[in-house]
């Protein structure tokens, strides 16, 4: 082999050594990862045991809930009978409510017409009062003029009649 080939082989060998070192480092890292995964497996095994205990507790709770469901079914049947009675009562109340609503509607209409009459009477009285005030002011003005005329005659020495 010639020198150039030998140098190339040496270079390739050196590169393989570097790659081998890197693989060694990667192997060490994988060993660390394996140790961590083993620790995690142990932790998961502990968690599995805890979940199994919890599953047993949930099974007991399910049994208790099944008994409660049976009791609630019995109560539902009782409430169904009561609901029918309440429905009948509700219908009667609704009928009475509608009847009362109609009655109060009639009363409201009557009250409205009475209030309208009172308002009309008030407007009429207001007009009459306005007319009375105008008449009063005119009458008082005329009386005032007559009194002034009489007083002026009296001052002049007149007899007044």
Protein backbone atom coordinates (compact mmCIF):
# COMPACT_ATOMS: atom_id res chain seq x y z
CA UNK A 1 0.00 0.00 0.00
CA UNK A 2 1.15 3.39 -0.71
CA UNK A 3 1.51 6.18 1.74
CA UNK A 4 -1.56 8.09 0.67
CA UNK A 5 -3.78 5.05 1.13
CA UNK A 6 -2.22 4.40 4.52
CA UNK A 7 -2.90 7.98 5.59
CA UNK A 8 -6.47 7.67 4.41
CA UNK A 9 -6.90 4.43 6.34
CA UNK A 10 -5.35 6.08 9.40
CA UNK A 11 -7.73 9.04 8.97
CA UNK A 12 -10.71 6.67 8.60
CA UNK A 13 -9.50 4.70 11.63
CA UNK A 14 -9.22 7.92 13.61
CA UNK A 15 -12.70 8.93 12.55
CA UNK A 16 -14.03 5.52 13.58
CA UNK A 17 -12.31 5.93 16.97
CA UNK A 18 -14.02 9.29 17.42
CA UNK A 19 -17.35 7.76 16.37
CA UNK A 20 -16.70 4.84 18.73
CA UNK A 21 -16.04 7.29 21.58
CA UNK A 22 -19.24 9.10 20.75
CA UNK A 23 -21.16 5.81 20.71
CA UNK A 24 -19.60 5.05 24.10
CA UNK A 25 -20.96 8.35 25.41
CA UNK A 26 -24.35 7.58 23.85
CA UNK A 27 -24.27 4.12 25.47
CA UNK A 28 -23.59 5.77 28.84
CA UNK A 29 -26.50 8.12 28.28
CA UNK A 30 -28.74 5.18 27.34
CA UNK A 31 -27.62 3.41 30.54
CA UNK A 32 -28.68 6.52 32.50
CA UNK A 33 -31.99 6.59 30.65
CA UNK A 34 -32.47 2.86 31.37
CA UNK A 35 -31.87 3.48 35.08
CA UNK A 36 -34.37 6.33 35.03
CA UNK A 37 -36.93 4.20 33.18
CA UNK A 38 -36.42 1.39 35.71
CA UNK A 39 -37.09 3.88 38.53
CA UNK A 40 -40.18 5.12 36.68
CA UNK A 41 -41.36 1.50 36.22
CA UNK A 42 -41.06 0.99 39.96
CA UNK A 43 -43.01 4.16 40.60
CA UNK A 44 -45.69 3.10 38.09
CA UNK A 45 -45.92 -0.30 39.82
CA UNK A 46 -46.56 1.54 43.09
CA UNK A 47 -49.15 3.70 41.39
CA UNK A 48 -50.81 0.60 39.90
CA UNK A 49 -51.14 -0.87 43.40
CA UNK A 50 -52.67 2.40 44.62
CA UNK A 51 -55.07 2.49 41.65
CA UNK A 52 -56.09 -1.12 42.36
CA UNK A 53 -56.94 -0.11 45.93
CA UNK A 54 -58.89 2.88 44.62
CA UNK A 55 -60.74 0.63 42.13
CA UNK A 56 -61.82 -1.58 45.02
CA UNK A 57 -63.08 1.45 46.90
CA UNK A 58 -64.95 2.67 43.81
CA UNK A 59 -66.54 -0.77 43.41
CA UNK A 60 -67.82 -0.57 46.99
CA UNK A 61 -69.11 2.94 46.31
CA UNK A 62 -70.85 1.69 43.14
CA UNK A 63 -72.64 -0.94 45.19
CA UNK A 64 -73.78 1.70 47.66
CA UNK A 65 -74.95 3.94 44.81
CA UNK A 66 -76.89 1.03 43.31
CA UNK A 67 -78.76 0.63 46.60
CA UNK A 68 -79.40 4.37 46.68
CA UNK A 69 -80.65 4.27 43.08
CA UNK A 70 -83.16 1.59 44.07
CA UNK A 71 -84.39 3.79 46.92
CA UNK A 72 -84.62 6.81 44.61
CA UNK A 73 -86.63 4.77 42.10
CA UNK A 74 -89.12 4.01 44.86
CA UNK A 75 -89.27 7.70 45.76
CA UNK A 76 -89.70 8.62 42.07
CA UNK A 77 -92.79 6.45 41.87
CA UNK A 78 -94.22 8.16 44.94
CA UNK A 79 -93.41 11.59 43.55
CA UNK A 80 -95.04 10.62 40.25
CA UNK A 81 -98.33 10.09 42.07
CA UNK A 82 -97.93 13.38 43.90
CA UNK A 83 -97.05 15.12 40.64
CA UNK A 84 -100.35 14.06 39.12
CA UNK A 85 -102.17 15.55 42.09
CA UNK A 86 -100.15 18.76 41.83
CA UNK A 87 -100.90 18.96 38.10
CA UNK A 88 -104.61 18.85 38.83
CA UNK A 89 -104.17 21.54 41.48
CA UNK A 90 -102.10 23.62 39.04
CA UNK A 91 -104.87 23.43 36.46
CA UNK A 92 -107.40 24.64 39.01
CA UNK A 93 -105.09 27.47 40.07
CA UNK A 94 -104.56 28.44 36.42
CA UNK A 95 -108.31 28.52 35.84
CA UNK A 96 -108.86 30.68 38.93
CA UNK A 97 -105.97 32.92 37.89
CA UNK A 98 -107.44 33.47 34.43
CA UNK A 99 -110.84 34.16 35.96
CA UNK A 100 -109.31 36.66 38.41
CA UNK A 101 -107.31 38.25 35.61
CA UNK A 102 -110.45 38.81 33.57
CA UNK A 103 -112.26 40.20 36.63
CA UNK A 104 -109.42 42.61 37.44
CA UNK A 105 -109.28 43.59 33.78
CA UNK A 106 -112.91 44.64 33.98
CA UNK A 107 -112.23 46.47 37.26
CA UNK A 108 -109.25 48.22 35.68
CA UNK A 109 -111.37 49.35 32.73
CA UNK A 110 -114.03 50.69 35.10
CA UNK A 111 -111.40 52.43 37.19
CA UNK A 112 -109.84 53.90 34.05
CA UNK A 113 -113.21 55.25 32.89
CA UNK A 114 -113.82 56.73 36.34
CA UNK A 115 -110.39 58.36 36.35
CA UNK A 116 -111.14 59.74 32.89
CA UNK A 117 -114.42 61.21 34.19
CA UNK A 118 -112.63 62.72 37.18
CA UNK A 119 -109.97 64.22 34.87
CA UNK A 120 -112.68 65.67 32.62
CA UNK A 121 -114.46 67.10 35.68
CA UNK A 122 -111.18 68.56 36.89
CA UNK A 123 -110.53 70.20 33.50
CA UNK A 124 -114.10 71.56 33.50
CA UNK A 125 -113.71 72.95 37.04
CA UNK A 126 -110.34 74.41 36.06
CA UNK A 127 -112.00 76.19 33.12
CA UNK A 128 -114.84 77.42 35.29
CA UNK A 129 -112.35 78.63 37.90
CA UNK A 130 -110.41 80.46 35.20
CA UNK A 131 -113.62 82.09 33.98
CA UNK A 132 -114.57 82.97 37.57
CA UNK A 133 -111.16 84.55 38.17
CA UNK A 134 -111.46 86.55 34.96
CA UNK A 135 -115.00 87.69 35.92
CA UNK A 136 -113.84 88.48 39.47
CA UNK A 137 -110.91 90.52 38.21
CA UNK A 138 -113.23 92.41 35.87
CA UNK A 139 -115.82 92.96 38.60
CA UNK A 140 -113.18 94.05 41.12
CA UNK A 141 -111.72 96.41 38.49
CA UNK A 142 -115.16 97.93 37.83
CA UNK A 143 -115.83 98.28 41.57
CA UNK A 144 -112.46 99.86 42.05
CA UNK A 145 -113.26 102.38 39.29
CA UNK A 146 -116.65 103.17 40.88
CA UNK A 147 -115.06 103.61 44.31
CA UNK A 148 -112.43 105.90 42.82
CA UNK A 149 -115.12 107.94 41.06
CA UNK A 150 -117.14 108.21 44.24
CA UNK A 151 -114.10 109.21 46.26
CA UNK A 152 -113.14 111.85 43.68
CA UNK A 153 -116.70 113.30 43.78
CA UNK A 154 -116.63 113.36 47.50
CA UNK A 155 -113.34 115.22 47.54
CA UNK A 156 -114.75 117.75 45.11
CA UNK A 157 -117.50 118.40 47.49
CA UNK A 158 -120.19 116.62 45.75
CA UNK A 159 -123.16 115.19 47.46
CA UNK A 160 -122.43 111.72 46.30
CA UNK A 161 -125.94 111.24 44.86
